[in-house]
Amino acid sequence: MSKLVTIYGGSGFVGRYIARRMALQGWRVRVAVRRPNEALFVRPFGVVGQVEPVLCNIRDDASVAAAMHGADAVVNCVGTFDAGGKNNFEAVQVDGAERIARLAAAEGISRMVHISAIGADADSASTYQATKALGEAAVLKHIPNATILRPSAIFGTEDGFFNRFAGMALFSPILPIVGGDAKFQPVYVDDVAQAAEMAVLGQAHGVFELGGPEVADFRSLMQGMLGIIRRRRLVLNLPFWVAGIIAGLLSFAQAVTVGLFHNTILTPDQVRSLRSDNIVSDGAKGLADLGITPTPMNSILPGYLWRFRPSGQYASIKESANNLKA
C-alpha cells in the first residue's frame, strides 16, 4: 500500500501545493482542515480516493490524533495572523504545533515538516514572530529530527501579499504602506512546497530559511507590482507612529463590535513586525542547499496579477496593437 501523509492546513495557500506534489509522488494525502466541504477542490490532485479532506480542529487532541492515524509523515501548514479569539497566535502557532508533534511522536511518526517563518524569534516584540519561534521549539521537543521551513513572504496565484495590495490599487490613487524600507526576499509558493516534499521524502533535514533570488524593500516591491498591473499610484510610506495609531483604532473597532468588524487591514503586531527585515540570515541553509533553483518574481507575477490591469486580460493585446500603430 502506498504511504500516507497528513497535511494540517492542507487546503490553504501553501498546503494545497504540498498536497499536489505528494499526490504526484504516489502518496495518499489526508488534508486535515476545519471545513472539509470547502476543501473538496483538493480531490482532483490525485486519482479517486488518493487525496481526501478530513475534519480536524487543531485545538483538539482527539481530532488531531484521528487525522494522523496510520500516517507515515505529517506536515503542519497551519498559521494565523489573528491576535485574538479562539484561534489566536498562541493557540494555533504554539499549542497547535506542539499538539501535532506530541501526538505524532505518540503515534510513532518520526517524519514531520513544520512551516514556520523567517523572523521567528522568541524575544521578538512581534507576538506573531515570537509564537512562531515557540512553536518550532515545541515541535523539536517532541520530534528532534523534524524539518523546519522558514519562508519569507510567499507569492503565488492565491497569495495574500501582492493580490492584496494590487486590489487596494484599484480604488485609490494612493497606496499606503508601513515599513517601506524593510527588506523582503519573496519566495515562490511551489518552491516552498518542493522543499516540504523533499523533507517528507526524507531528502532534507534541519532548519531551512527560504527566500527567492531577489531582495528588495517593501516600497520597491510595491512599485514593481504597480508596473505589472499598469497603474500609476503614489506609494505612501506611513511613519511607524502613525501606523501604530491606525492599527490601534482598527483593533479597538474590532473589540467594541465584538468581532462583527474583523480587522484584516492592519494590526499593532504587524506594525511591530515590519520594523525588521524579512530575509534569509547569513549562514542559514536555504533553497540552494536543497538543490532548488529559486523562481524569480517576474516569471510568475504577471501570470496572475493581470486581472488588476485596466484592460485585464486584454492589456497585452492592446499594447501590441499600439506598437503596430507606431
C-alpha atoms as a PDB file:
ATOM      1  CA  MET A   1       0.000   0.000   0.000  1.00  0.00           C
ATOM      2  CA  SER A   2       1.239   3.498  -0.808  1.00  0.00           C
ATOM      3  CA  LYS A   3       2.413   5.713   2.029  1.00  0.00           C
ATOM      4  CA  LEU A   4       0.176   8.256   3.725  1.00  0.00           C
ATOM      5  CA  VAL A   5       0.897  11.866   4.678  1.00  0.00           C
ATOM      6  CA  THR A   6      -1.412  14.035   6.759  1.00  0.00           C
ATOM      7  CA  ILE A   7      -1.199  17.728   5.938  1.00  0.00           C
ATOM      8  CA  TYR A   8      -2.711  20.020   8.555  1.00  0.00           C
ATOM      9  CA  GLY A   9      -3.985  23.099   6.765  1.00  0.00           C
ATOM     10  CA  GLY A  10      -3.581  21.201   3.510  1.00  0.00           C
ATOM     11  CA  SER A  11      -6.186  23.251   1.654  1.00  0.00           C
ATOM     12  CA  GLY A  12      -4.504  26.563   2.479  1.00  0.00           C
ATOM     13  CA  PHE A  13      -2.208  28.600   0.277  1.00  0.00           C
ATOM     14  CA  VAL A  14       0.966  26.551   0.866  1.00  0.00           C
ATOM     15  CA  GLY A  15      -0.705  23.314   1.895  1.00  0.00           C
ATOM     16  CA  ARG A  16      -2.504  22.744  -1.401  1.00  0.00           C
ATOM     17  CA  TYR A  17       0.786  22.891  -3.319  1.00  0.00           C
ATOM     18  CA  ILE A  18       2.351  20.347  -0.966  1.00  0.00           C
ATOM     19  CA  ALA A  19      -0.714  18.117  -1.298  1.00  0.00           C
ATOM     20  CA  ARG A  20      -0.471  18.234  -5.086  1.00  0.00           C
ATOM     21  CA  ARG A  21       3.220  17.353  -5.041  1.00  0.00           C
ATOM     22  CA  MET A  22       2.761  14.446  -2.631  1.00  0.00           C
ATOM     23  CA  ALA A  23      -0.081  13.081  -4.755  1.00  0.00           C
ATOM     24  CA  LEU A  24       2.203  13.172  -7.796  1.00  0.00           C
ATOM     25  CA  GLN A  25       4.732  11.192  -5.758  1.00  0.00           C
ATOM     26  CA  GLY A  26       2.107   8.474  -5.394  1.00  0.00           C
ATOM     27  CA  TRP A  27       1.397   9.080  -1.709  1.00  0.00           C
ATOM     28  CA  ARG A  28      -2.069   9.042  -0.234  1.00  0.00           C
ATOM     29  CA  VAL A  29      -2.816  12.504   1.120  1.00  0.00           C
ATOM     30  CA  ARG A  30      -5.076  13.313   4.041  1.00  0.00           C
ATOM     31  CA  VAL A  31      -5.924  17.025   4.109  1.00  0.00           C
ATOM     32  CA  ALA A  32      -6.846  17.947   7.701  1.00  0.00           C
ATOM     33  CA  VAL A  33      -8.983  21.102   7.815  1.00  0.00           C
ATOM     34  CA  ARG A  34     -11.778  22.698   9.860  1.00  0.00           C
ATOM     35  CA  ARG A  35     -14.194  22.793   6.910  1.00  0.00           C
ATOM     36  CA  PRO A  36     -13.753  19.710   4.684  1.00  0.00           C
ATOM     37  CA  ASN A  37     -16.639  20.715   2.419  1.00  0.00           C
ATOM     38  CA  GLU A  38     -14.696  23.826   1.421  1.00  0.00           C
ATOM     39  CA  ALA A  39     -11.606  21.745   0.623  1.00  0.00           C
ATOM     40  CA  LEU A  40     -13.144  19.371  -1.921  1.00  0.00           C
ATOM     41  CA  PHE A  41     -11.076  21.050  -4.655  1.00  0.00           C
ATOM     42  CA  VAL A  42      -8.033  19.039  -3.477  1.00  0.00           C
ATOM     43  CA  ARG A  43      -9.517  15.723  -4.586  1.00  0.00           C
ATOM     44  CA  PRO A  44      -8.572  16.100  -8.290  1.00  0.00           C
ATOM     45  CA  PHE A  45      -4.910  16.436  -7.263  1.00  0.00           C
ATOM     46  CA  GLY A  46      -4.776  12.612  -7.414  1.00  0.00           C
ATOM     47  CA  VAL A  47      -6.767   9.610  -8.579  1.00  0.00           C
ATOM     48  CA  VAL A  48     -10.097   8.746  -6.980  1.00  0.00           C
ATOM     49  CA  GLY A  49      -9.675   8.436  -3.217  1.00  0.00           C
ATOM     50  CA  GLN A  50      -5.988   9.405  -3.192  1.00  0.00           C
ATOM     51  CA  VAL A  51      -6.455  12.903  -1.757  1.00  0.00           C
ATOM     52  CA  GLU A  52      -9.162  13.304   0.869  1.00  0.00           C
ATOM     53  CA  PRO A  53     -10.115  16.259   3.095  1.00  0.00           C
ATOM     54  CA  VAL A  54     -10.954  15.293   6.681  1.00  0.00           C
ATOM     55  CA  LEU A  55     -12.394  17.242   9.604  1.00  0.00           C
ATOM     56  CA  CYS A  56      -9.839  18.444  12.119  1.00  0.00           C
ATOM     57  CA  ASN A  57      -9.673  21.125  14.799  1.00  0.00           C
ATOM     58  CA  ILE A  58      -6.053  21.821  15.648  1.00  0.00           C
ATOM     59  CA  ARG A  59      -7.137  22.805  19.190  1.00  0.00           C
ATOM     60  CA  ASP A  60      -8.489  19.315  19.958  1.00  0.00           C
ATOM     61  CA  ASP A  61      -6.304  16.293  20.781  1.00  0.00           C
ATOM     62  CA  ALA A  62      -8.766  13.644  19.584  1.00  0.00           C
ATOM     63  CA  SER A  63      -9.369  15.447  16.301  1.00  0.00           C
ATOM     64  CA  VAL A  64      -5.661  15.863  15.558  1.00  0.00           C
ATOM     65  CA  ALA A  65      -4.871  12.260  16.522  1.00  0.00           C
ATOM     66  CA  ALA A  66      -7.643  10.843  14.328  1.00  0.00           C
ATOM     67  CA  ALA A  67      -6.393  12.803  11.323  1.00  0.00           C
ATOM     68  CA  MET A  68      -2.873  11.370  11.600  1.00  0.00           C
ATOM     69  CA  HIS A  69      -3.804   7.779  12.465  1.00  0.00           C
ATOM     70  CA  GLY A  70      -1.857   5.414  10.229  1.00  0.00           C
ATOM     71  CA  ALA A  71       0.194   8.187   8.609  1.00  0.00           C
ATOM     72  CA  ASP A  72       3.852   7.820   7.704  1.00  0.00           C
ATOM     73  CA  ALA A  73       4.526  11.567   7.883  1.00  0.00           C
ATOM     74  CA  VAL A  74       2.811  14.773   8.941  1.00  0.00           C
ATOM     75  CA  VAL A  75       3.100  18.344   7.684  1.00  0.00           C
ATOM     76  CA  ASN A  76       1.907  21.350   9.661  1.00  0.00           C
ATOM     77  CA  CYS A  77       0.968  24.331   7.490  1.00  0.00           C
ATOM     78  CA  VAL A  78      -1.403  25.957   9.975  1.00  0.00           C
ATOM     79  CA  GLY A  79      -0.700  29.553  10.949  1.00  0.00           C
ATOM     80  CA  THR A  80      -2.641  32.688  11.783  1.00  0.00           C
ATOM     81  CA  PHE A  81      -2.442  36.470  11.796  1.00  0.00           C
ATOM     82  CA  ASP A  82      -5.139  36.783  14.466  1.00  0.00           C
ATOM     83  CA  ALA A  83      -4.043  38.031  17.860  1.00  0.00           C
ATOM     84  CA  GLY A  84      -7.422  37.393  19.498  1.00  0.00           C
ATOM     85  CA  GLY A  85     -10.210  34.849  19.503  1.00  0.00           C
ATOM     86  CA  LYS A  86     -10.027  31.085  19.981  1.00  0.00           C
ATOM     87  CA  ASN A  87      -7.631  30.628  17.068  1.00  0.00           C
ATOM     88  CA  ASN A  88      -5.075  33.166  18.262  1.00  0.00           C
ATOM     89  CA  PHE A  89      -1.306  33.182  17.905  1.00  0.00           C
ATOM     90  CA  GLU A  90      -0.630  31.011  20.943  1.00  0.00           C
ATOM     91  CA  ALA A  91      -3.480  28.571  20.380  1.00  0.00           C
ATOM     92  CA  VAL A  92      -2.513  27.918  16.751  1.00  0.00           C
ATOM     93  CA  GLN A  93       1.211  28.557  16.406  1.00  0.00           C
ATOM     94  CA  VAL A  94       2.371  27.235  19.786  1.00  0.00           C
ATOM     95  CA  ASP A  95      -0.233  24.892  21.272  1.00  0.00           C
ATOM     96  CA  GLY A  96      -1.392  23.607  17.892  1.00  0.00           C
ATOM     97  CA  ALA A  97       2.127  22.903  16.661  1.00  0.00           C
ATOM     98  CA  GLU A  98       3.014  21.229  19.962  1.00  0.00           C
ATOM     99  CA  ARG A  99      -0.138  19.094  19.804  1.00  0.00           C
ATOM    100  CA  ILE A 100       0.640  17.777  16.331  1.00  0.00           C
ATOM    101  CA  ALA A 101       4.240  16.942  17.248  1.00  0.00           C
ATOM    102  CA  ARG A 102       3.335  15.346  20.593  1.00  0.00           C
ATOM    103  CA  LEU A 103       0.620  13.153  19.107  1.00  0.00           C
ATOM    104  CA  ALA A 104       2.781  12.261  16.093  1.00  0.00           C
ATOM    105  CA  ALA A 105       5.537  11.083  18.440  1.00  0.00           C
ATOM    106  CA  ALA A 106       2.983   9.023  20.401  1.00  0.00           C
ATOM    107  CA  GLU A 107       1.759   7.520  17.107  1.00  0.00           C
ATOM    108  CA  GLY A 108       5.324   6.548  16.226  1.00  0.00           C
ATOM    109  CA  ILE A 109       5.583   9.044  13.367  1.00  0.00           C
ATOM    110  CA  SER A 110       9.130  10.382  13.203  1.00  0.00           C
ATOM    111  CA  ARG A 111       8.922  12.362   9.984  1.00  0.00           C
ATOM    112  CA  MET A 112       7.408  15.825  10.433  1.00  0.00           C
ATOM    113  CA  VAL A 113       7.633  19.040   8.436  1.00  0.00           C
ATOM    114  CA  HIS A 114       6.707  22.290  10.149  1.00  0.00           C
ATOM    115  CA  ILE A 115       6.117  25.511   8.210  1.00  0.00           C
ATOM    116  CA  SER A 116       7.327  28.464  10.276  1.00  0.00           C
ATOM    117  CA  ALA A 117       8.512  31.892   9.091  1.00  0.00           C
ATOM    118  CA  ILE A 118      11.664  33.939   8.668  1.00  0.00           C
ATOM    119  CA  GLY A 119      11.995  36.236  11.655  1.00  0.00           C
ATOM    120  CA  ALA A 120      10.863  33.602  14.167  1.00  0.00           C
ATOM    121  CA  ASP A 121      12.378  34.805  17.442  1.00  0.00           C
ATOM    122  CA  ALA A 122      11.165  34.112  20.967  1.00  0.00           C
ATOM    123  CA  ASP A 123      12.429  37.544  22.056  1.00  0.00           C
ATOM    124  CA  SER A 124      10.709  39.437  19.225  1.00  0.00           C
ATOM    125  CA  ALA A 125       8.421  42.365  20.033  1.00  0.00           C
ATOM    126  CA  SER A 126       6.024  40.842  17.491  1.00  0.00           C
ATOM    127  CA  THR A 127       3.779  38.183  19.015  1.00  0.00           C
ATOM    128  CA  TYR A 128       3.469  36.541  15.595  1.00  0.00           C
ATOM    129  CA  GLN A 129       7.231  36.094  15.312  1.00  0.00           C
ATOM    130  CA  ALA A 130       7.636  35.104  18.964  1.00  0.00           C
ATOM    131  CA  THR A 131       4.962  32.393  18.775  1.00  0.00           C
ATOM    132  CA  LYS A 132       6.471  31.077  15.557  1.00  0.00           C
ATOM    133  CA  ALA A 133       9.731  30.504  17.461  1.00  0.00           C
ATOM    134  CA  LEU A 134       7.957  28.932  20.429  1.00  0.00           C
ATOM    135  CA  GLY A 135       6.103  26.646  18.047  1.00  0.00           C
ATOM    136  CA  GLU A 136       9.364  25.498  16.484  1.00  0.00           C
ATOM    137  CA  ALA A 137      10.786  24.720  19.928  1.00  0.00           C
ATOM    138  CA  ALA A 138       7.658  22.776  20.860  1.00  0.00           C
ATOM    139  CA  VAL A 139       7.890  20.685  17.689  1.00  0.00           C
ATOM    140  CA  LEU A 140      11.593  19.895  18.164  1.00  0.00           C
ATOM    141  CA  LYS A 141      10.977  18.954  21.800  1.00  0.00           C
ATOM    142  CA  HIS A 142       8.818  16.015  20.698  1.00  0.00           C
ATOM    143  CA  ILE A 143      10.371  15.264  17.287  1.00  0.00           C
ATOM    144  CA  PRO A 144      14.038  16.390  17.376  1.00  0.00           C
ATOM    145  CA  ASN A 145      14.652  15.448  13.727  1.00  0.00           C
ATOM    146  CA  ALA A 146      11.649  17.413  12.391  1.00  0.00           C
ATOM    147  CA  THR A 147      12.322  19.671   9.408  1.00  0.00           C
ATOM    148  CA  ILE A 148      11.558  23.352   9.961  1.00  0.00           C
ATOM    149  CA  LEU A 149      10.931  25.576   6.925  1.00  0.00           C
ATOM    150  CA  ARG A 150      11.056  29.356   7.402  1.00  0.00           C
ATOM    151  CA  PRO A 151       9.873  31.156   4.255  1.00  0.00           C
ATOM    152  CA  SER A 152       9.969  34.890   3.642  1.00  0.00           C
ATOM    153  CA  ALA A 153       6.852  36.495   2.116  1.00  0.00           C
ATOM    154  CA  ILE A 154       5.330  33.865  -0.196  1.00  0.00           C
ATOM    155  CA  PHE A 155       3.980  34.759  -3.620  1.00  0.00           C
ATOM    156  CA  GLY A 156       1.791  32.780  -5.974  1.00  0.00           C
ATOM    157  CA  THR A 157      -1.626  32.821  -7.612  1.00  0.00           C
ATOM    158  CA  GLU A 158      -3.576  32.671  -4.331  1.00  0.00           C
ATOM    159  CA  ASP A 159      -1.241  34.819  -2.226  1.00  0.00           C
ATOM    160  CA  GLY A 160      -2.429  37.407   0.261  1.00  0.00           C
ATOM    161  CA  PHE A 161       0.513  39.720  -0.341  1.00  0.00           C
ATOM    162  CA  PHE A 162       0.679  41.022  -3.922  1.00  0.00           C
ATOM    163  CA  ASN A 163      -3.009  40.282  -4.551  1.00  0.00           C
ATOM    164  CA  ARG A 164      -3.968  42.345  -1.517  1.00  0.00           C
ATOM    165  CA  PHE A 165      -2.052  45.462  -2.492  1.00  0.00           C
ATOM    166  CA  ALA A 166      -2.947  45.149  -6.166  1.00  0.00           C
ATOM    167  CA  GLY A 167      -6.589  45.101  -5.092  1.00  0.00           C
ATOM    168  CA  MET A 168      -6.077  48.231  -2.995  1.00  0.00           C
ATOM    169  CA  ALA A 169      -4.548  49.981  -6.004  1.00  0.00           C
ATOM    170  CA  LEU A 170      -7.813  49.582  -7.930  1.00  0.00           C
ATOM    171  CA  PHE A 171      -9.667  52.031  -5.721  1.00  0.00           C
ATOM    172  CA  SER A 172      -7.222  54.711  -4.633  1.00  0.00           C
ATOM    173  CA  PRO A 173      -4.604  56.982  -6.223  1.00  0.00           C
ATOM    174  CA  ILE A 174      -2.518  56.429  -3.069  1.00  0.00           C
ATOM    175  CA  LEU A 175      -1.130  53.085  -1.925  1.00  0.00           C
ATOM    176  CA  PRO A 176      -0.300  53.387   1.790  1.00  0.00           C
ATOM    177  CA  ILE A 177       2.303  51.024   3.263  1.00  0.00           C
ATOM    178  CA  VAL A 178       4.169  50.651   6.557  1.00  0.00           C
ATOM    179  CA  GLY A 179       7.863  49.847   6.867  1.00  0.00           C
ATOM    180  CA  GLY A 180       8.735  50.835   3.319  1.00  0.00           C
ATOM    181  CA  ASP A 181      12.447  50.325   3.997  1.00  0.00           C
ATOM    182  CA  ALA A 182      12.009  46.807   5.408  1.00  0.00           C
ATOM    183  CA  LYS A 183      13.656  44.249   3.126  1.00  0.00           C
ATOM    184  CA  PHE A 184      11.870  41.141   1.866  1.00  0.00           C
ATOM    185  CA  GLN A 185      13.033  38.131  -0.113  1.00  0.00           C
ATOM    186  CA  PRO A 186       9.783  36.821  -1.638  1.00  0.00           C
ATOM    187  CA  VAL A 187       9.753  33.098  -2.377  1.00  0.00           C
ATOM    188  CA  TYR A 188       7.512  31.251  -4.821  1.00  0.00           C
ATOM    189  CA  VAL A 189       4.928  29.017  -3.153  1.00  0.00           C
ATOM    190  CA  ASP A 190       5.807  25.933  -5.197  1.00  0.00           C
ATOM    191  CA  ASP A 191       9.480  26.289  -4.231  1.00  0.00           C
ATOM    192  CA  VAL A 192       8.358  26.097  -0.595  1.00  0.00           C
ATOM    193  CA  ALA A 193       6.191  23.098  -1.463  1.00  0.00           C
ATOM    194  CA  GLN A 194       9.130  21.375  -3.166  1.00  0.00           C
ATOM    195  CA  ALA A 195      11.236  21.858  -0.035  1.00  0.00           C
ATOM    196  CA  ALA A 196       8.432  20.322   2.053  1.00  0.00           C
ATOM    197  CA  GLU A 197       8.119  17.451  -0.415  1.00  0.00           C
ATOM    198  CA  MET A 198      11.819  16.680  -0.088  1.00  0.00           C
ATOM    199  CA  ALA A 199      11.542  16.707   3.694  1.00  0.00           C
ATOM    200  CA  VAL A 200       8.581  14.310   3.649  1.00  0.00           C
ATOM    201  CA  LEU A 201      10.566  12.006   1.371  1.00  0.00           C
ATOM    202  CA  GLY A 202      13.492  12.103   3.808  1.00  0.00           C
ATOM    203  CA  GLN A 203      15.743  14.094   1.476  1.00  0.00           C
ATOM    204  CA  ALA A 204      16.022  17.166   3.740  1.00  0.00           C
ATOM    205  CA  HIS A 205      16.657  17.551   7.456  1.00  0.00           C
ATOM    206  CA  GLY A 206      17.124  20.536   9.731  1.00  0.00           C
ATOM    207  CA  VAL A 207      16.097  24.190   9.619  1.00  0.00           C
ATOM    208  CA  PHE A 208      15.909  25.985   6.264  1.00  0.00           C
ATOM    209  CA  GLU A 209      15.256  29.667   5.577  1.00  0.00           C
ATOM    210  CA  LEU A 210      13.577  30.020   2.197  1.00  0.00           C
ATOM    211  CA  GLY A 211      13.921  33.156   0.104  1.00  0.00           C
ATOM    212  CA  GLY A 212      13.751  33.913  -3.591  1.00  0.00           C
ATOM    213  CA  PRO A 213      16.526  35.241  -5.843  1.00  0.00           C
ATOM    214  CA  GLU A 214      15.617  38.920  -5.288  1.00  0.00           C
ATOM    215  CA  VAL A 215      15.945  41.044  -2.156  1.00  0.00           C
ATOM    216  CA  ALA A 216      14.020  44.315  -2.228  1.00  0.00           C
ATOM    217  CA  ASP A 217      12.497  46.752   0.210  1.00  0.00           C
ATOM    218  CA  PHE A 218       8.743  46.911   0.674  1.00  0.00           C
ATOM    219  CA  ARG A 219       8.433  50.176  -1.289  1.00  0.00           C
ATOM    220  CA  SER A 220      10.293  48.735  -4.290  1.00  0.00           C
ATOM    221  CA  LEU A 221       8.142  45.614  -4.281  1.00  0.00           C
ATOM    222  CA  MET A 222       5.009  47.724  -4.432  1.00  0.00           C
ATOM    223  CA  GLN A 223       6.400  49.893  -7.222  1.00  0.00           C
ATOM    224  CA  GLY A 224       7.280  46.775  -9.188  1.00  0.00           C
ATOM    225  CA  MET A 225       3.787  45.379  -8.636  1.00  0.00           C
ATOM    226  CA  LEU A 226       2.234  48.644  -9.869  1.00  0.00           C
ATOM    227  CA  GLY A 227       4.328  48.393 -13.015  1.00  0.00           C
ATOM    228  CA  ILE A 228       2.991  44.906 -13.677  1.00  0.00           C
ATOM    229  CA  ILE A 229      -0.642  45.958 -13.280  1.00  0.00           C
ATOM    230  CA  ARG A 230      -0.061  49.119 -15.375  1.00  0.00           C
ATOM    231  CA  ARG A 231      -1.253  51.569 -12.720  1.00  0.00           C
ATOM    232  CA  ARG A 232       0.320  54.797 -11.508  1.00  0.00           C
ATOM    233  CA  ARG A 233      -0.118  55.240  -7.786  1.00  0.00           C
ATOM    234  CA  LEU A 234       1.687  57.190  -5.098  1.00  0.00           C
ATOM    235  CA  VAL A 235       3.306  54.698  -2.722  1.00  0.00           C
ATOM    236  CA  LEU A 236       2.986  56.449   0.635  1.00  0.00           C
ATOM    237  CA  ASN A 237       5.197  55.118   3.419  1.00  0.00           C
ATOM    238  CA  LEU A 238       3.420  55.834   6.718  1.00  0.00           C
ATOM    239  CA  PRO A 239       5.605  56.634   9.759  1.00  0.00           C
ATOM    240  CA  PHE A 240       5.500  53.877  12.358  1.00  0.00           C
ATOM    241  CA  TRP A 241       3.843  56.132  14.932  1.00  0.00           C
ATOM    242  CA  VAL A 242       1.029  56.964  12.517  1.00  0.00           C
ATOM    243  CA  ALA A 243       0.635  53.308  11.557  1.00  0.00           C
ATOM    244  CA  GLY A 244       0.522  52.382  15.235  1.00  0.00           C
ATOM    245  CA  ILE A 245      -2.370  54.768  15.860  1.00  0.00           C
ATOM    246  CA  ILE A 246      -4.310  53.490  12.838  1.00  0.00           C
ATOM    247  CA  ALA A 247      -3.711  49.857  13.786  1.00  0.00           C
ATOM    248  CA  GLY A 248      -4.788  50.566  17.356  1.00  0.00           C
ATOM    249  CA  LEU A 249      -8.014  52.206  16.237  1.00  0.00           C
ATOM    250  CA  LEU A 250      -8.833  49.352  13.875  1.00  0.00           C
ATOM    251  CA  SER A 251      -8.207  46.768  16.606  1.00  0.00           C
ATOM    252  CA  PHE A 252     -10.340  48.813  19.022  1.00  0.00           C
ATOM    253  CA  ALA A 253     -13.146  48.823  16.465  1.00  0.00           C
ATOM    254  CA  GLN A 254     -12.928  45.042  16.273  1.00  0.00           C
ATOM    255  CA  ALA A 255     -13.113  44.764  20.060  1.00  0.00           C
ATOM    256  CA  VAL A 256     -16.107  47.076  20.535  1.00  0.00           C
ATOM    257  CA  THR A 257     -18.071  45.415  17.719  1.00  0.00           C
ATOM    258  CA  VAL A 258     -17.407  42.004  19.306  1.00  0.00           C
ATOM    259  CA  GLY A 259     -15.859  40.714  16.092  1.00  0.00           C
ATOM    260  CA  LEU A 260     -18.568  41.997  13.716  1.00  0.00           C
ATOM    261  CA  PHE A 261     -15.758  44.069  12.209  1.00  0.00           C
ATOM    262  CA  HIS A 262     -12.739  41.822  11.759  1.00  0.00           C
ATOM    263  CA  ASN A 263      -9.520  43.798  11.413  1.00  0.00           C
ATOM    264  CA  THR A 264      -7.635  42.329   8.466  1.00  0.00           C
ATOM    265  CA  ILE A 265      -6.305  45.733   7.375  1.00  0.00           C
ATOM    266  CA  LEU A 266      -3.505  46.499   9.817  1.00  0.00           C
ATOM    267  CA  THR A 267      -2.790  45.283  13.348  1.00  0.00           C
ATOM    268  CA  PRO A 268      -0.378  46.578  16.004  1.00  0.00           C
ATOM    269  CA  ASP A 269       1.546  43.307  15.760  1.00  0.00           C
ATOM    270  CA  GLN A 270       2.033  43.729  12.014  1.00  0.00           C
ATOM    271  CA  VAL A 271       3.389  47.222  12.607  1.00  0.00           C
ATOM    272  CA  ARG A 272       5.921  45.809  15.072  1.00  0.00           C
ATOM    273  CA  SER A 273       6.989  43.026  12.698  1.00  0.00           C
ATOM    274  CA  LEU A 274       7.551  45.495   9.829  1.00  0.00           C
ATOM    275  CA  ARG A 275      10.340  47.126  11.801  1.00  0.00           C
ATOM    276  CA  SER A 276      12.562  44.154  10.905  1.00  0.00           C
ATOM    277  CA  ASP A 277      13.878  42.799   7.605  1.00  0.00           C
ATOM    278  CA  ASN A 278      12.413  39.535   6.335  1.00  0.00           C
ATOM    279  CA  ILE A 279      15.352  37.984   4.514  1.00  0.00           C
ATOM    280  CA  VAL A 280      17.444  34.830   4.756  1.00  0.00           C
ATOM    281  CA  SER A 281      20.049  35.061   7.525  1.00  0.00           C
ATOM    282  CA  ASP A 282      23.754  34.882   6.778  1.00  0.00           C
ATOM    283  CA  GLY A 283      24.921  31.290   7.028  1.00  0.00           C
ATOM    284  CA  ALA A 284      21.418  29.802   7.107  1.00  0.00           C
ATOM    285  CA  LYS A 285      20.623  26.752   4.993  1.00  0.00           C
ATOM    286  CA  GLY A 286      18.281  27.611   2.154  1.00  0.00           C
ATOM    287  CA  LEU A 287      16.910  26.533  -1.217  1.00  0.00           C
ATOM    288  CA  ALA A 288      20.397  26.163  -2.697  1.00  0.00           C
ATOM    289  CA  ASP A 289      21.235  23.538  -0.057  1.00  0.00           C
ATOM    290  CA  LEU A 290      18.196  21.589  -1.244  1.00  0.00           C
ATOM    291  CA  GLY A 291      19.221  21.849  -4.884  1.00  0.00           C
ATOM    292  CA  ILE A 292      16.215  24.054  -5.650  1.00  0.00           C
ATOM    293  CA  THR A 293      16.683  26.982  -8.013  1.00  0.00           C
ATOM    294  CA  PRO A 294      14.513  29.821  -6.648  1.00  0.00           C
ATOM    295  CA  THR A 295      11.872  31.143  -9.025  1.00  0.00           C
ATOM    296  CA  PRO A 296      12.125  34.872  -9.879  1.00  0.00           C
ATOM    297  CA  MET A 297       9.064  37.020  -9.252  1.00  0.00           C
ATOM    298  CA  ASN A 298       8.813  38.402 -12.790  1.00  0.00           C
ATOM    299  CA  SER A 299       8.293  34.922 -14.211  1.00  0.00           C
ATOM    300  CA  ILE A 300       5.211  34.390 -12.045  1.00  0.00           C
ATOM    301  CA  LEU A 301       3.582  37.688 -11.003  1.00  0.00           C
ATOM    302  CA  PRO A 302       2.320  38.765 -14.458  1.00  0.00           C
ATOM    303  CA  GLY A 303       0.599  35.387 -14.779  1.00  0.00           C
ATOM    304  CA  TYR A 304      -1.911  36.200 -12.049  1.00  0.00           C
ATOM    305  CA  LEU A 305      -1.780  39.941 -11.457  1.00  0.00           C
ATOM    306  CA  TRP A 306      -3.001  40.704 -14.998  1.00  0.00           C
ATOM    307  CA  ARG A 307      -6.595  40.815 -13.694  1.00  0.00           C
ATOM    308  CA  PHE A 308      -5.777  44.064 -11.865  1.00  0.00           C
ATOM    309  CA  ARG A 309      -4.758  45.857 -15.077  1.00  0.00           C
ATOM    310  CA  PRO A 310      -7.133  48.487 -16.500  1.00  0.00           C
ATOM    311  CA  SER A 311      -7.808  46.252 -19.513  1.00  0.00           C
ATOM    312  CA  GLY A 312      -7.391  42.971 -17.655  1.00  0.00           C
ATOM    313  CA  GLN A 313      -6.565  40.047 -19.937  1.00  0.00           C
ATOM    314  CA  TYR A 314      -6.648  42.304 -22.996  1.00  0.00           C
ATOM    315  CA  ALA A 315      -3.881  44.644 -21.804  1.00  0.00           C
ATOM    316  CA  SER A 316      -1.127  42.834 -23.722  1.00  0.00           C
ATOM    317  CA  ILE A 317      -3.203  42.735 -26.894  1.00  0.00           C
ATOM    318  CA  LYS A 318      -3.852  46.499 -26.708  1.00  0.00           C
ATOM    319  CA  GLU A 319      -0.162  47.204 -26.093  1.00  0.00           C
ATOM    320  CA  SER A 320       0.779  45.094 -29.115  1.00  0.00           C
ATOM    321  CA  ALA A 321      -1.773  46.930 -31.234  1.00  0.00           C
ATOM    322  CA  ASN A 322      -0.379  50.299 -30.134  1.00  0.00           C
ATOM    323  CA  ASN A 323       3.109  49.148 -31.116  1.00  0.00           C
ATOM    324  CA  LEU A 324       1.859  48.248 -34.573  1.00  0.00           C
ATOM    325  CA  LYS A 325       0.304  51.727 -34.993  1.00  0.00           C
ATOM    326  CA  ALA A 326       3.602  53.314 -34.027  1.00  0.00           C
END
